[in-house]
Every structure is written in C-alpha cells, then in structure tokens.
Amino acid sequence: MAHIQLPDELPGIRGPMAFSPHTAKPMNELAEILLRDDNNTLTRGERELIGAYVSYLNDCFFCQNVHGALAQHYMQCDMQFIDSIKNDFQSTTISEKLKTLLAIAGSVQKGGRFVTTAQIEAAKNAGATDKEIHDTVLIAAAFCMFNRYVDGLATWAPADRNVYVQRAKMRAEEGYLDFDLYK
C-alpha cells in the first residue's frame, strides 16, 4: 500500500504523477528529451537500457521493467537479453562503447563522485562523444530520482513482466509527453 493516497489503479510512477500533475509535466518533459529526442547519437534503445540498468541497480522493479521492455522493443531483442545486460553487461554482445557508458551509469548510481577519469577516457577511447557521456550521466542521475520517487512512495507494480512488454510498443509510439496516465 502506498504511503500516501494515490489512485489505486495506477502502478509505479503513474500514481504519483496523477497525484501531482504539476510536477509530472516537467518530469515527463525531461524523460522525453533524454530518452526520445532524435538529436542524439545514442539510440532510443541504448538510452532506455541505461535507465533500465540504473533502475536495476536501485532495485526499482517498476522502472527496470518498464524501461527494460522499451529497450527490448527498440533493440528488437527479448527480455532475457536485457536481463543478461543488467546482470553482467561486460559478458554480453553489446558494443564496447555501450559497456563503458553503462559502467559510468553504474558509478553515477552510487554517487556522482564515483565516476572516474579512467571511465571517461575508456568511453572516449571506445568512441563515446562528450554529449553521449553527458547524456549517460544525466539519464543515470534522473533515473535515480525517478526510482526514489516510485519506491519512496511505496507504489505498486504489476508482478507479471509480460505486462510491461505488451505495453512497450504503445509507450514507444506515445512517448512521455501528454500521455494519458489512466491508460
């Protein structure tokens, strides 16, 4: 049961956003820019994966599954592959650049000062641009906030991970702006 009175039918972040539309608007605008803006050399799938990975590290069930499902939708893979990345990205077939960015995101999740010069250099050596490093850090920081918002209010989440996979295509099409919280 949520710590405050939230709409019972809305899981995860959707409940608090319906509770406070005034704060939901800028949060959704930030998510839209970070995860969907086309002026980015990281794919939508890669950006969603960074969010899912940080949410996994924060043990936020709702966010890691929503954004993991979106990552698998964009990357045209299955959730088992996304799970393997979350569990041990170094052993997967993703690009070296993405591995270095996930390492940076993991450091941000612990605290911003955990990001090292060596990690930044490794990312640059793997082909990451300053913008990609910037966006990785900002996505990771934003997801720490989103995860704490969801779990700090003790929101509920569907336990069936297929719910997230089934909704991924719709969420990918609608994006994060002006979507109906009650869908």
Protein backbone atom coordinates (compact mmCIF):
# COMPACT_ATOMS: atom_id res chain seq x y z
CA MET A 1 0.00 0.00 0.00
CA ALA A 2 1.32 3.42 -0.96
CA HIS A 3 2.47 5.76 1.78
CA ILE A 4 0.03 8.45 0.58
CA GLN A 5 -3.37 8.29 -1.10
CA LEU A 6 -2.65 7.56 -4.77
CA PRO A 7 -5.05 6.34 -7.47
CA ASP A 8 -5.29 2.59 -6.82
CA GLU A 9 -5.42 1.64 -10.48
CA LEU A 10 -2.17 3.37 -11.49
CA PRO A 11 1.09 1.48 -10.97
CA GLY A 12 4.58 2.81 -10.45
CA ILE A 13 5.32 6.40 -11.34
CA ARG A 14 1.90 6.90 -12.91
CA GLY A 15 0.19 7.11 -9.49
CA PRO A 16 2.37 9.91 -8.11
CA MET A 17 2.22 11.72 -11.45
CA ALA A 18 -1.58 11.65 -11.40
CA PHE A 19 -1.45 12.84 -7.79
CA SER A 20 0.75 15.80 -8.78
CA PRO A 21 0.30 16.73 -12.47
CA HIS A 22 2.15 19.99 -11.85
CA THR A 23 5.39 18.11 -11.13
CA ALA A 24 4.61 15.32 -13.60
CA LYS A 25 4.81 17.73 -16.54
CA PRO A 26 8.49 18.73 -16.15
CA MET A 27 9.47 15.18 -15.22
CA ASN A 28 7.86 13.85 -18.39
CA GLU A 29 9.46 16.62 -20.44
CA LEU A 30 12.86 15.59 -19.08
CA ALA A 31 12.19 11.93 -19.85
CA GLU A 32 11.07 12.84 -23.38
CA ILE A 33 14.24 14.81 -24.07
CA LEU A 34 16.59 12.29 -22.51
CA LEU A 35 15.04 9.12 -23.87
CA ARG A 36 13.34 10.03 -27.13
CA ASP A 37 14.90 13.18 -28.64
CA ASP A 38 16.13 12.45 -32.14
CA ASN A 39 19.09 14.85 -31.82
CA ASN A 40 21.12 12.19 -30.08
CA THR A 41 23.68 9.70 -31.35
CA LEU A 42 22.69 7.15 -28.72
CA THR A 43 19.73 5.14 -29.93
CA ARG A 44 16.45 5.21 -28.04
CA GLY A 45 17.11 1.60 -27.10
CA GLU A 46 20.53 2.43 -25.66
CA ARG A 47 19.13 5.32 -23.63
CA GLU A 48 16.24 3.21 -22.32
CA LEU A 49 18.76 0.50 -21.45
CA ILE A 50 20.80 2.96 -19.39
CA GLY A 51 17.62 3.86 -17.48
CA ALA A 52 16.71 0.20 -17.02
CA TYR A 53 20.22 -0.64 -15.81
CA VAL A 54 20.26 2.14 -13.22
CA SER A 55 16.76 1.11 -12.11
CA TYR A 56 18.01 -2.46 -11.74
CA LEU A 57 20.92 -1.25 -9.59
CA ASN A 58 18.43 0.73 -7.49
CA ASP A 59 16.19 -2.36 -7.26
CA CYS A 60 13.22 -0.42 -8.63
CA PHE A 61 11.07 -3.21 -10.07
CA PHE A 62 8.61 -0.96 -11.91
CA CYS A 63 11.17 1.26 -13.65
CA GLN A 64 13.59 -1.50 -14.59
CA ASN A 65 10.78 -3.44 -16.22
CA VAL A 66 9.08 -0.52 -17.98
CA HIS A 67 12.34 0.75 -19.42
CA GLY A 68 13.77 -2.73 -19.96
CA ALA A 69 10.68 -3.54 -22.04
CA LEU A 70 11.14 -0.33 -24.02
CA ALA A 71 14.82 -1.14 -24.56
CA GLN A 72 13.95 -4.61 -25.84
CA HIS A 73 11.30 -3.12 -28.11
CA TYR A 74 13.70 -0.62 -29.66
CA MET A 75 16.63 -3.05 -29.77
CA GLN A 76 14.49 -5.82 -31.28
CA CYS A 77 15.60 -8.39 -28.71
CA ASP A 78 13.97 -10.28 -25.86
CA MET A 79 13.82 -9.54 -22.16
CA GLN A 80 16.30 -12.34 -21.43
CA PHE A 81 18.93 -10.36 -23.35
CA ILE A 82 18.05 -7.20 -21.43
CA ASP A 83 18.28 -9.19 -18.18
CA SER A 84 21.70 -10.52 -19.18
CA ILE A 85 22.90 -6.95 -19.77
CA LYS A 86 21.55 -5.81 -16.40
CA ASN A 87 23.18 -8.77 -14.62
CA ASP A 88 26.59 -8.66 -16.33
CA PHE A 89 26.86 -6.26 -19.26
CA GLN A 90 30.58 -6.96 -19.68
CA SER A 91 29.79 -10.53 -20.80
CA THR A 92 27.20 -9.56 -23.42
CA THR A 93 27.47 -8.77 -27.12
CA ILE A 94 26.70 -5.06 -26.80
CA SER A 95 29.24 -2.58 -28.14
CA GLU A 96 32.32 -1.64 -26.16
CA LYS A 97 31.10 1.96 -26.18
CA LEU A 98 27.81 0.99 -24.55
CA LYS A 99 29.65 -1.12 -21.99
CA THR A 100 31.76 1.89 -20.98
CA LEU A 101 28.67 4.09 -20.76
CA LEU A 102 26.89 1.53 -18.57
CA ALA A 103 29.96 1.48 -16.31
CA ILE A 104 29.68 5.28 -15.99
CA ALA A 105 25.93 5.00 -15.31
CA GLY A 106 26.66 2.43 -12.59
CA SER A 107 29.08 4.82 -10.95
CA VAL A 108 26.56 7.67 -11.09
CA GLN A 109 24.03 5.37 -9.40
CA LYS A 110 26.42 5.03 -6.45
CA GLY A 111 27.07 8.79 -6.40
CA GLY A 112 28.37 11.30 -8.91
CA ARG A 113 31.86 11.35 -7.44
CA PHE A 114 32.26 7.65 -8.19
CA VAL A 115 32.69 8.44 -11.91
CA THR A 116 36.41 8.29 -12.64
CA THR A 117 38.65 9.92 -15.20
CA ALA A 118 39.63 6.42 -16.30
CA GLN A 119 35.98 5.58 -17.04
CA ILE A 120 35.59 8.75 -19.10
CA GLU A 121 38.79 8.05 -21.01
CA ALA A 122 37.68 4.45 -21.65
CA ALA A 123 34.36 5.73 -23.01
CA LYS A 124 36.09 8.25 -25.26
CA ASN A 125 38.54 5.58 -26.47
CA ALA A 126 35.52 3.39 -27.31
CA GLY A 127 34.07 6.21 -29.43
CA ALA A 128 31.73 7.96 -26.97
CA THR A 129 31.29 11.66 -27.54
CA ASP A 130 31.12 14.31 -24.83
CA LYS A 131 27.36 14.58 -25.49
CA GLU A 132 26.90 10.82 -25.07
CA ILE A 133 28.84 10.90 -21.79
CA HIS A 134 26.84 13.93 -20.64
CA ASP A 135 23.55 12.27 -21.51
CA THR A 136 24.55 9.00 -19.83
CA VAL A 137 25.33 10.83 -16.60
CA LEU A 138 22.09 12.82 -16.78
CA ILE A 139 19.96 9.75 -17.59
CA ALA A 140 21.54 7.85 -14.69
CA ALA A 141 21.00 10.78 -12.30
CA ALA A 142 17.41 11.29 -13.46
CA PHE A 143 16.61 7.61 -13.04
CA CYS A 144 17.95 7.67 -9.50
CA MET A 145 15.40 10.43 -8.84
CA PHE A 146 12.59 8.60 -10.68
CA ASN A 147 13.36 5.34 -8.84
CA ARG A 148 13.36 7.02 -5.47
CA TYR A 149 10.10 8.78 -6.32
CA VAL A 150 8.44 5.47 -7.21
CA ASP A 151 9.80 3.44 -4.32
CA GLY A 152 9.85 6.27 -1.77
CA LEU A 153 6.07 6.47 -2.01
CA ALA A 154 5.73 2.66 -1.96
CA THR A 155 3.84 2.50 -5.25
CA TRP A 156 2.70 -0.86 -6.55
CA ALA A 157 3.81 -2.56 -9.74
CA PRO A 158 2.40 -5.45 -11.77
CA ALA A 159 4.43 -8.56 -10.94
CA ASP A 160 3.89 -10.08 -14.40
CA ARG A 161 6.75 -8.78 -16.54
CA ASN A 162 4.75 -9.52 -19.70
CA VAL A 163 2.52 -6.55 -18.84
CA TYR A 164 5.50 -4.26 -19.45
CA VAL A 165 6.50 -5.99 -22.68
CA GLN A 166 2.92 -5.80 -24.00
CA ARG A 167 2.75 -2.05 -23.27
CA ALA A 168 6.20 -1.21 -24.70
CA LYS A 169 5.08 -0.65 -28.31
CA MET A 170 2.31 1.73 -27.23
CA ARG A 171 4.64 3.64 -24.90
CA ALA A 172 7.26 3.84 -27.65
CA GLU A 173 4.68 5.32 -30.02
CA GLU A 174 3.18 7.76 -27.50
CA GLY A 175 6.33 8.88 -25.76
CA TYR A 176 6.33 10.60 -22.40
CA LEU A 177 4.61 13.89 -23.21
CA ASP A 178 0.89 14.39 -22.83
CA PHE A 179 0.12 10.72 -22.43
CA ASP A 180 -2.98 9.65 -20.60
CA LEU A 181 -1.91 8.46 -17.14
CA TYR A 182 -5.07 6.38 -16.95
CA LYS A 183 -4.26 4.12 -19.95
